[in-house]
Amino acid sequence: MTIYDFQLTTIDGWNKSMEDFKGKVLLLVNTASKCGFTPQYDGLQKIFEEFKDKDFVVLGFPSNDFLGQEPGSDEDIKAFCSTNFGITFPLFSKIHVKGKDIHPLYEFLTSGGGKKEFSGKVKWNFTKFLINREGEIIGRFEPKEEPETFRSAIEEAVM
């Protein structure tokens, strides 16, 4: 199994295959609108804009798994992200990133995608997984790590 085997629903309700992102460098982030780390949306949008011409894409996965910090509907989330942060990177429908209802994509990510150094449960909102052009996990960044702190890892991946 690879990252490209998963199907998801966009925040607008469309089916989307991860295969559509094949050959791109990806940063997958579980997000929430009412979290102390929510201001990271700004840094995520900036890094997306900076590297999108090099086939880099940030993918946002809203989740209400941590203290109910993403209570809104998909429409609410989209409006919040657009209005407050000018988000233009792809957002997906709310999913579970932990627990018995964990989405298969996050089950794959938290297993490390076959790499033990990247495995482990998502502990909070804004955990980030960096994926190379071959679909392999090459970095995992915890919620406190702002996008600018791992900019060099993104630069290396897109070169």
N, C-alpha and C. Protein backbone atom coordinates (compact mmCIF):
# COMPACT_ATOMS: atom_id res chain seq x y z
N MET A 1 0.83 -1.18 0.00
CA MET A 1 0.00 0.00 0.00
C MET A 1 0.88 1.25 0.00
N THR A 2 0.45 2.26 -0.75
CA THR A 2 1.16 3.53 -0.78
C THR A 2 0.18 4.66 -0.48
N ILE A 3 0.69 5.84 -0.33
CA ILE A 3 -0.17 7.00 -0.06
C ILE A 3 -1.14 7.24 -1.21
N TYR A 4 -0.77 6.77 -2.40
CA TYR A 4 -1.61 7.01 -3.58
C TYR A 4 -2.82 6.09 -3.67
N ASP A 5 -2.95 5.17 -2.74
CA ASP A 5 -4.06 4.22 -2.76
C ASP A 5 -5.32 4.74 -2.07
N PHE A 6 -5.26 5.93 -1.49
CA PHE A 6 -6.38 6.42 -0.69
C PHE A 6 -7.29 7.37 -1.46
N GLN A 7 -8.57 7.27 -1.14
CA GLN A 7 -9.60 8.15 -1.67
C GLN A 7 -10.13 8.99 -0.52
N LEU A 8 -10.38 10.25 -0.79
CA LEU A 8 -10.91 11.15 0.23
C LEU A 8 -12.00 12.01 -0.37
N THR A 9 -12.64 12.78 0.48
CA THR A 9 -13.65 13.72 0.03
C THR A 9 -13.13 15.13 0.29
N THR A 10 -13.19 15.98 -0.73
CA THR A 10 -12.75 17.35 -0.56
C THR A 10 -13.74 18.10 0.32
N ILE A 11 -13.34 19.26 0.78
CA ILE A 11 -14.22 20.06 1.63
C ILE A 11 -15.47 20.50 0.87
N ASP A 12 -15.40 20.46 -0.47
CA ASP A 12 -16.57 20.79 -1.30
C ASP A 12 -17.42 19.57 -1.65
N GLY A 13 -17.05 18.40 -1.10
CA GLY A 13 -17.87 17.21 -1.29
C GLY A 13 -17.51 16.35 -2.50
N TRP A 14 -16.39 16.62 -3.14
CA TRP A 14 -15.96 15.84 -4.31
C TRP A 14 -15.04 14.70 -3.90
N ASN A 15 -15.16 13.57 -4.59
CA ASN A 15 -14.23 12.46 -4.37
C ASN A 15 -12.89 12.84 -4.98
N LYS A 16 -11.81 12.53 -4.25
CA LYS A 16 -10.47 12.87 -4.71
C LYS A 16 -9.54 11.72 -4.39
N SER A 17 -8.78 11.30 -5.39
CA SER A 17 -7.80 10.25 -5.20
C SER A 17 -6.46 10.88 -4.86
N MET A 18 -5.77 10.30 -3.91
CA MET A 18 -4.42 10.78 -3.60
C MET A 18 -3.50 10.58 -4.80
N GLU A 19 -3.88 9.70 -5.70
CA GLU A 19 -3.07 9.48 -6.91
C GLU A 19 -2.99 10.76 -7.76
N ASP A 20 -3.96 11.64 -7.60
CA ASP A 20 -3.94 12.92 -8.32
C ASP A 20 -2.73 13.77 -7.94
N PHE A 21 -2.11 13.44 -6.81
CA PHE A 21 -0.95 14.21 -6.33
C PHE A 21 0.37 13.49 -6.59
N LYS A 22 0.32 12.41 -7.36
CA LYS A 22 1.52 11.64 -7.67
C LYS A 22 2.57 12.54 -8.33
N GLY A 23 3.83 12.41 -7.89
CA GLY A 23 4.92 13.19 -8.46
C GLY A 23 5.10 14.55 -7.80
N LYS A 24 4.25 14.87 -6.84
CA LYS A 24 4.36 16.15 -6.13
C LYS A 24 4.91 15.92 -4.72
N VAL A 25 5.50 16.94 -4.15
CA VAL A 25 5.90 16.92 -2.74
C VAL A 25 4.69 17.41 -1.95
N LEU A 26 4.33 16.67 -0.91
CA LEU A 26 3.12 16.97 -0.15
C LEU A 26 3.42 17.23 1.32
N LEU A 27 2.66 18.11 1.91
CA LEU A 27 2.68 18.31 3.35
C LEU A 27 1.25 18.11 3.83
N LEU A 28 1.01 17.02 4.55
CA LEU A 28 -0.31 16.69 5.06
C LEU A 28 -0.40 17.16 6.50
N VAL A 29 -1.49 17.87 6.82
CA VAL A 29 -1.64 18.49 8.13
C VAL A 29 -3.06 18.27 8.64
N ASN A 30 -3.19 17.77 9.88
CA ASN A 30 -4.51 17.71 10.49
C ASN A 30 -4.74 19.05 11.18
N THR A 31 -5.86 19.67 10.86
CA THR A 31 -6.11 21.05 11.28
C THR A 31 -7.33 21.18 12.17
N ALA A 32 -7.44 22.35 12.81
CA ALA A 32 -8.60 22.69 13.63
C ALA A 32 -8.70 24.20 13.72
N SER A 33 -9.90 24.71 13.71
CA SER A 33 -10.15 26.15 13.68
C SER A 33 -10.12 26.82 15.05
N LYS A 34 -10.23 26.04 16.12
CA LYS A 34 -10.31 26.62 17.46
C LYS A 34 -9.19 26.10 18.35
N CYS A 35 -8.01 25.98 17.78
CA CYS A 35 -6.85 25.44 18.47
C CYS A 35 -5.82 26.55 18.67
N GLY A 36 -5.00 26.43 19.67
CA GLY A 36 -3.93 27.39 19.88
C GLY A 36 -2.94 27.44 18.73
N PHE A 37 -2.90 26.38 17.94
CA PHE A 37 -1.98 26.33 16.80
C PHE A 37 -2.63 26.80 15.49
N THR A 38 -3.91 27.18 15.54
CA THR A 38 -4.62 27.62 14.34
C THR A 38 -3.89 28.72 13.57
N PRO A 39 -3.18 29.66 14.22
CA PRO A 39 -2.44 30.66 13.46
C PRO A 39 -1.40 30.08 12.49
N GLN A 40 -1.06 28.79 12.65
CA GLN A 40 -0.14 28.15 11.70
C GLN A 40 -0.73 28.10 10.29
N TYR A 41 -2.04 28.25 10.15
CA TYR A 41 -2.62 28.31 8.81
C TYR A 41 -1.89 29.37 7.98
N ASP A 42 -1.54 30.47 8.60
CA ASP A 42 -0.85 31.56 7.90
C ASP A 42 0.48 31.07 7.33
N GLY A 43 1.28 30.41 8.14
CA GLY A 43 2.57 29.89 7.69
C GLY A 43 2.42 28.79 6.65
N LEU A 44 1.39 27.97 6.79
CA LEU A 44 1.14 26.90 5.81
C LEU A 44 0.79 27.51 4.46
N GLN A 45 -0.05 28.55 4.45
CA GLN A 45 -0.41 29.20 3.20
C GLN A 45 0.81 29.86 2.56
N LYS A 46 1.64 30.51 3.37
CA LYS A 46 2.84 31.17 2.84
C LYS A 46 3.79 30.17 2.21
N ILE A 47 4.02 29.05 2.88
CA ILE A 47 4.97 28.05 2.35
C ILE A 47 4.40 27.38 1.10
N PHE A 48 3.06 27.21 1.07
CA PHE A 48 2.41 26.67 -0.12
C PHE A 48 2.63 27.62 -1.30
N GLU A 49 2.37 28.90 -1.09
CA GLU A 49 2.54 29.87 -2.17
C GLU A 49 3.99 29.94 -2.65
N GLU A 50 4.91 29.84 -1.71
CA GLU A 50 6.33 29.93 -2.07
C GLU A 50 6.79 28.77 -2.95
N PHE A 51 6.30 27.58 -2.68
CA PHE A 51 6.82 26.40 -3.37
C PHE A 51 5.85 25.73 -4.34
N LYS A 52 4.64 26.26 -4.51
CA LYS A 52 3.66 25.58 -5.35
C LYS A 52 4.12 25.46 -6.81
N ASP A 53 4.94 26.38 -7.28
CA ASP A 53 5.45 26.29 -8.66
C ASP A 53 6.49 25.20 -8.83
N LYS A 54 6.90 24.60 -7.71
CA LYS A 54 7.84 23.47 -7.74
C LYS A 54 7.11 22.17 -7.41
N ASP A 55 5.82 22.15 -7.70
CA ASP A 55 4.97 20.96 -7.45
C ASP A 55 4.94 20.56 -5.98
N PHE A 56 4.77 21.55 -5.13
CA PHE A 56 4.59 21.34 -3.69
C PHE A 56 3.14 21.69 -3.34
N VAL A 57 2.50 20.82 -2.57
CA VAL A 57 1.10 21.05 -2.19
C VAL A 57 0.92 20.77 -0.70
N VAL A 58 0.28 21.70 -0.02
CA VAL A 58 -0.16 21.48 1.35
C VAL A 58 -1.57 20.91 1.27
N LEU A 59 -1.86 19.88 2.05
CA LEU A 59 -3.20 19.29 2.11
C LEU A 59 -3.69 19.37 3.54
N GLY A 60 -4.82 20.03 3.75
CA GLY A 60 -5.37 20.19 5.09
C GLY A 60 -6.50 19.21 5.36
N PHE A 61 -6.41 18.57 6.52
CA PHE A 61 -7.39 17.57 6.93
C PHE A 61 -8.01 17.97 8.27
N PRO A 62 -9.10 18.73 8.24
CA PRO A 62 -9.76 19.12 9.50
C PRO A 62 -10.17 17.90 10.31
N SER A 63 -9.99 18.03 11.62
CA SER A 63 -10.37 16.94 12.51
C SER A 63 -10.87 17.51 13.83
N ASN A 64 -11.88 16.88 14.37
CA ASN A 64 -12.46 17.30 15.64
C ASN A 64 -12.06 16.34 16.76
N ASP A 65 -10.93 15.68 16.59
CA ASP A 65 -10.52 14.63 17.52
C ASP A 65 -9.89 15.13 18.83
N PHE A 66 -9.54 16.41 18.89
CA PHE A 66 -8.84 16.90 20.07
C PHE A 66 -9.64 18.01 20.75
N LEU A 67 -10.32 17.64 21.82
CA LEU A 67 -11.12 18.56 22.64
C LEU A 67 -12.15 19.35 21.85
N GLY A 68 -12.67 18.76 20.76
CA GLY A 68 -13.73 19.39 20.00
C GLY A 68 -13.33 20.72 19.39
N GLN A 69 -12.06 20.83 18.96
CA GLN A 69 -11.55 22.11 18.45
C GLN A 69 -11.85 22.35 16.97
N GLU A 70 -12.59 21.45 16.35
CA GLU A 70 -13.07 21.67 14.97
C GLU A 70 -14.53 21.27 14.90
N PRO A 71 -15.40 22.05 15.57
CA PRO A 71 -16.81 21.65 15.67
C PRO A 71 -17.66 21.97 14.43
N GLY A 72 -17.18 22.85 13.57
CA GLY A 72 -18.01 23.32 12.46
C GLY A 72 -18.21 22.31 11.35
N SER A 73 -19.14 22.66 10.46
CA SER A 73 -19.38 21.86 9.26
C SER A 73 -18.26 22.14 8.25
N ASP A 74 -18.22 21.36 7.20
CA ASP A 74 -17.23 21.60 6.14
C ASP A 74 -17.37 23.01 5.58
N GLU A 75 -18.60 23.47 5.42
CA GLU A 75 -18.84 24.82 4.90
C GLU A 75 -18.29 25.87 5.87
N ASP A 76 -18.51 25.65 7.17
CA ASP A 76 -17.99 26.57 8.18
C ASP A 76 -16.46 26.62 8.14
N ILE A 77 -15.85 25.46 8.05
CA ILE A 77 -14.40 25.35 8.04
C ILE A 77 -13.82 26.07 6.81
N LYS A 78 -14.41 25.82 5.66
CA LYS A 78 -13.94 26.45 4.43
C LYS A 78 -14.04 27.97 4.53
N ALA A 79 -15.16 28.47 5.03
CA ALA A 79 -15.36 29.91 5.16
C ALA A 79 -14.35 30.50 6.16
N PHE A 80 -14.14 29.82 7.27
CA PHE A 80 -13.19 30.29 8.28
C PHE A 80 -11.78 30.39 7.69
N CYS A 81 -11.36 29.34 6.99
CA CYS A 81 -10.00 29.31 6.42
C CYS A 81 -9.82 30.36 5.34
N SER A 82 -10.82 30.55 4.53
CA SER A 82 -10.76 31.53 3.45
C SER A 82 -10.77 32.96 3.99
N THR A 83 -11.69 33.23 4.88
CA THR A 83 -11.86 34.58 5.42
C THR A 83 -10.69 35.01 6.30
N ASN A 84 -10.26 34.13 7.19
CA ASN A 84 -9.25 34.50 8.18
C ASN A 84 -7.80 34.31 7.72
N PHE A 85 -7.58 33.38 6.78
CA PHE A 85 -6.20 33.07 6.40
C PHE A 85 -5.96 33.06 4.89
N GLY A 86 -7.00 33.28 4.10
CA GLY A 86 -6.84 33.28 2.65
C GLY A 86 -6.34 31.95 2.11
N ILE A 87 -6.78 30.86 2.71
CA ILE A 87 -6.30 29.53 2.33
C ILE A 87 -6.72 29.20 0.90
N THR A 88 -5.73 28.80 0.09
CA THR A 88 -5.99 28.36 -1.28
C THR A 88 -5.51 26.93 -1.51
N PHE A 89 -4.80 26.36 -0.54
CA PHE A 89 -4.39 24.96 -0.70
C PHE A 89 -5.58 24.04 -0.45
N PRO A 90 -5.53 22.82 -0.98
CA PRO A 90 -6.67 21.90 -0.85
C PRO A 90 -7.01 21.55 0.60
N LEU A 91 -8.28 21.64 0.90
CA LEU A 91 -8.81 21.20 2.19
C LEU A 91 -9.76 20.03 1.93
N PHE A 92 -9.81 19.14 2.89
CA PHE A 92 -10.65 17.96 2.76
C PHE A 92 -11.75 17.98 3.82
N SER A 93 -12.72 17.12 3.61
CA SER A 93 -13.81 16.96 4.57
C SER A 93 -13.23 16.47 5.89
N LYS A 94 -13.91 16.82 6.97
CA LYS A 94 -13.45 16.44 8.30
C LYS A 94 -13.28 14.92 8.40
N ILE A 95 -12.17 14.51 9.01
CA ILE A 95 -11.89 13.09 9.21
C ILE A 95 -11.39 12.84 10.63
N HIS A 96 -11.28 11.57 10.98
CA HIS A 96 -10.67 11.19 12.26
C HIS A 96 -9.21 10.82 11.99
N VAL A 97 -8.33 11.36 12.85
CA VAL A 97 -6.89 11.09 12.69
C VAL A 97 -6.37 10.20 13.81
N LYS A 98 -7.28 9.74 14.67
CA LYS A 98 -6.91 8.82 15.75
C LYS A 98 -8.14 8.04 16.17
N GLY A 99 -7.92 7.02 16.99
CA GLY A 99 -9.02 6.27 17.57
C GLY A 99 -9.58 5.19 16.67
N LYS A 100 -10.68 4.61 17.10
CA LYS A 100 -11.25 3.47 16.39
C LYS A 100 -11.77 3.83 15.00
N ASP A 101 -12.13 5.10 14.79
CA ASP A 101 -12.65 5.54 13.49
C ASP A 101 -11.59 6.25 12.64
N ILE A 102 -10.32 6.04 12.95
CA ILE A 102 -9.23 6.69 12.22
C ILE A 102 -9.39 6.44 10.72
N HIS A 103 -9.20 7.49 9.94
CA HIS A 103 -9.28 7.36 8.48
C HIS A 103 -8.11 6.49 8.01
N PRO A 104 -8.32 5.62 7.03
CA PRO A 104 -7.23 4.75 6.54
C PRO A 104 -5.97 5.53 6.13
N LEU A 105 -6.12 6.74 5.59
CA LEU A 105 -4.93 7.52 5.25
C LEU A 105 -4.10 7.80 6.49
N TYR A 106 -4.76 8.18 7.57
CA TYR A 106 -4.01 8.48 8.80
C TYR A 106 -3.54 7.21 9.50
N GLU A 107 -4.21 6.12 9.28
CA GLU A 107 -3.69 4.84 9.78
C GLU A 107 -2.35 4.54 9.08
N PHE A 108 -2.29 4.80 7.77
CA PHE A 108 -1.07 4.62 7.00
C PHE A 108 0.01 5.58 7.49
N LEU A 109 -0.33 6.86 7.64
CA LEU A 109 0.66 7.85 8.07
C LEU A 109 1.20 7.54 9.46
N THR A 110 0.32 7.20 10.40
CA THR A 110 0.78 6.95 11.77
C THR A 110 1.52 5.63 11.91
N SER A 111 1.40 4.77 10.90
CA SER A 111 2.23 3.55 10.89
C SER A 111 3.61 3.87 10.34
N GLY A 112 3.80 5.11 9.90
CA GLY A 112 5.09 5.53 9.36
C GLY A 112 5.26 5.19 7.89
N GLY A 113 4.21 4.66 7.28
CA GLY A 113 4.33 4.28 5.87
C GLY A 113 5.46 3.29 5.65
N GLY A 114 5.70 2.44 6.65
CA GLY A 114 6.77 1.45 6.55
C GLY A 114 8.09 1.93 7.16
N LYS A 115 8.12 3.15 7.67
CA LYS A 115 9.34 3.69 8.29
C LYS A 115 9.07 3.97 9.77
N LYS A 116 9.71 3.17 10.59
CA LYS A 116 9.47 3.24 12.03
C LYS A 116 9.71 4.63 12.62
N GLU A 117 10.69 5.37 12.08
CA GLU A 117 11.03 6.68 12.65
C GLU A 117 9.90 7.71 12.50
N PHE A 118 8.94 7.43 11.62
CA PHE A 118 7.84 8.36 11.42
C PHE A 118 6.52 7.84 12.00
N SER A 119 6.55 6.69 12.65
CA SER A 119 5.32 6.10 13.19
C SER A 119 4.97 6.70 14.54
N GLY A 120 3.75 6.51 14.93
CA GLY A 120 3.25 6.98 16.21
C GLY A 120 1.96 7.74 16.05
N LYS A 121 1.15 7.70 17.08
CA LYS A 121 -0.15 8.36 17.05
C LYS A 121 0.01 9.87 16.85
N VAL A 122 -1.00 10.46 16.22
CA VAL A 122 -1.09 11.91 16.14
C VAL A 122 -1.51 12.36 17.53
N LYS A 123 -0.70 13.24 18.14
CA LYS A 123 -0.95 13.65 19.51
C LYS A 123 -1.83 14.90 19.62
N TRP A 124 -1.88 15.70 18.53
CA TRP A 124 -2.66 16.94 18.60
C TRP A 124 -2.86 17.49 17.20
N ASN A 125 -3.62 18.56 17.12
CA ASN A 125 -3.84 19.26 15.86
C ASN A 125 -2.52 19.80 15.32
N PHE A 126 -2.45 19.93 14.00
CA PHE A 126 -1.32 20.51 13.29
C PHE A 126 -0.05 19.65 13.34
N THR A 127 -0.24 18.32 13.38
CA THR A 127 0.87 17.40 13.14
C THR A 127 1.04 17.35 11.63
N LYS A 128 2.30 17.37 11.18
CA LYS A 128 2.57 17.49 9.74
C LYS A 128 3.42 16.33 9.25
N PHE A 129 3.05 15.80 8.07
CA PHE A 129 3.80 14.73 7.42
C PHE A 129 4.28 15.23 6.07
N LEU A 130 5.59 15.16 5.82
CA LEU A 130 6.17 15.56 4.55
C LEU A 130 6.37 14.32 3.70
N ILE A 131 5.86 14.36 2.47
CA ILE A 131 5.87 13.23 1.55
C ILE A 131 6.68 13.62 0.31
N ASN A 132 7.60 12.74 -0.12
CA ASN A 132 8.39 13.05 -1.31
C ASN A 132 7.63 12.71 -2.60
N ARG A 133 8.27 12.96 -3.72
CA ARG A 133 7.62 12.76 -5.02
C ARG A 133 7.31 11.29 -5.31
N GLU A 134 7.95 10.39 -4.57
CA GLU A 134 7.69 8.95 -4.74
C GLU A 134 6.61 8.45 -3.80
N GLY A 135 6.05 9.37 -3.00
CA GLY A 135 4.97 8.98 -2.09
C GLY A 135 5.44 8.45 -0.75
N GLU A 136 6.71 8.67 -0.42
CA GLU A 136 7.27 8.17 0.84
C GLU A 136 7.29 9.28 1.89
N ILE A 137 7.03 8.90 3.13
CA ILE A 137 7.15 9.86 4.22
C ILE A 137 8.63 10.15 4.43
N ILE A 138 8.98 11.43 4.42
CA ILE A 138 10.38 11.81 4.62
C ILE A 138 10.54 12.77 5.80
N GLY A 139 9.43 13.14 6.43
CA GLY A 139 9.50 14.01 7.59
C GLY A 139 8.20 14.01 8.35
N ARG A 140 8.33 14.17 9.64
CA ARG A 140 7.15 14.30 10.51
C ARG A 140 7.46 15.43 11.48
N PHE A 141 6.53 16.36 11.60
CA PHE A 141 6.75 17.54 12.42
C PHE A 141 5.59 17.70 13.39
N GLU A 142 5.92 17.87 14.63
CA GLU A 142 4.92 17.94 15.67
C GLU A 142 4.20 19.29 15.67
N PRO A 143 3.06 19.37 16.37
CA PRO A 143 2.23 20.58 16.32
C PRO A 143 2.97 21.89 16.61
N LYS A 144 3.88 21.90 17.55
CA LYS A 144 4.57 23.14 17.91
C LYS A 144 5.51 23.63 16.81
N GLU A 145 5.89 22.74 15.89
CA GLU A 145 6.83 23.12 14.84
C GLU A 145 6.10 23.89 13.74
N GLU A 146 6.40 25.17 13.66
CA GLU A 146 5.81 26.04 12.64
C GLU A 146 6.42 25.70 11.28
N PRO A 147 5.69 25.91 10.20
CA PRO A 147 6.20 25.56 8.86
C PRO A 147 7.59 26.15 8.56
N GLU A 148 7.84 27.36 9.01
CA GLU A 148 9.14 27.98 8.73
C GLU A 148 10.31 27.20 9.35
N THR A 149 10.05 26.47 10.44
CA THR A 149 11.14 25.75 11.12
C THR A 149 11.63 24.55 10.32
N PHE A 150 10.82 24.04 9.40
CA PHE A 150 11.26 22.90 8.59
C PHE A 150 11.27 23.25 7.10
N ARG A 151 11.41 24.53 6.82
CA ARG A 151 11.47 25.04 5.45
C ARG A 151 12.58 24.35 4.66
N SER A 152 13.74 24.13 5.29
CA SER A 152 14.87 23.51 4.59
C SER A 152 14.53 22.09 4.13
N ALA A 153 13.73 21.36 4.90
CA ALA A 153 13.33 20.01 4.50
C ALA A 153 12.44 20.07 3.26
N ILE A 154 11.58 21.09 3.19
CA ILE A 154 10.72 21.27 2.00
C ILE A 154 11.57 21.66 0.81
N GLU A 155 12.49 22.61 1.01
CA GLU A 155 13.38 23.04 -0.08
C GLU A 155 14.13 21.86 -0.67
N GLU A 156 14.67 21.01 0.21
CA GLU A 156 15.42 19.83 -0.23
C GLU A 156 14.53 18.88 -1.02
N ALA A 157 13.31 18.69 -0.55
CA ALA A 157 12.39 17.76 -1.19
C ALA A 157 11.94 18.22 -2.58
N VAL A 158 11.81 19.54 -2.77
CA VAL A 158 11.33 20.03 -4.06
C VAL A 158 12.44 20.20 -5.09
N MET A 159 13.68 20.14 -4.67
CA MET A 159 14.80 20.33 -5.62
C MET A 159 14.99 19.09 -6.49
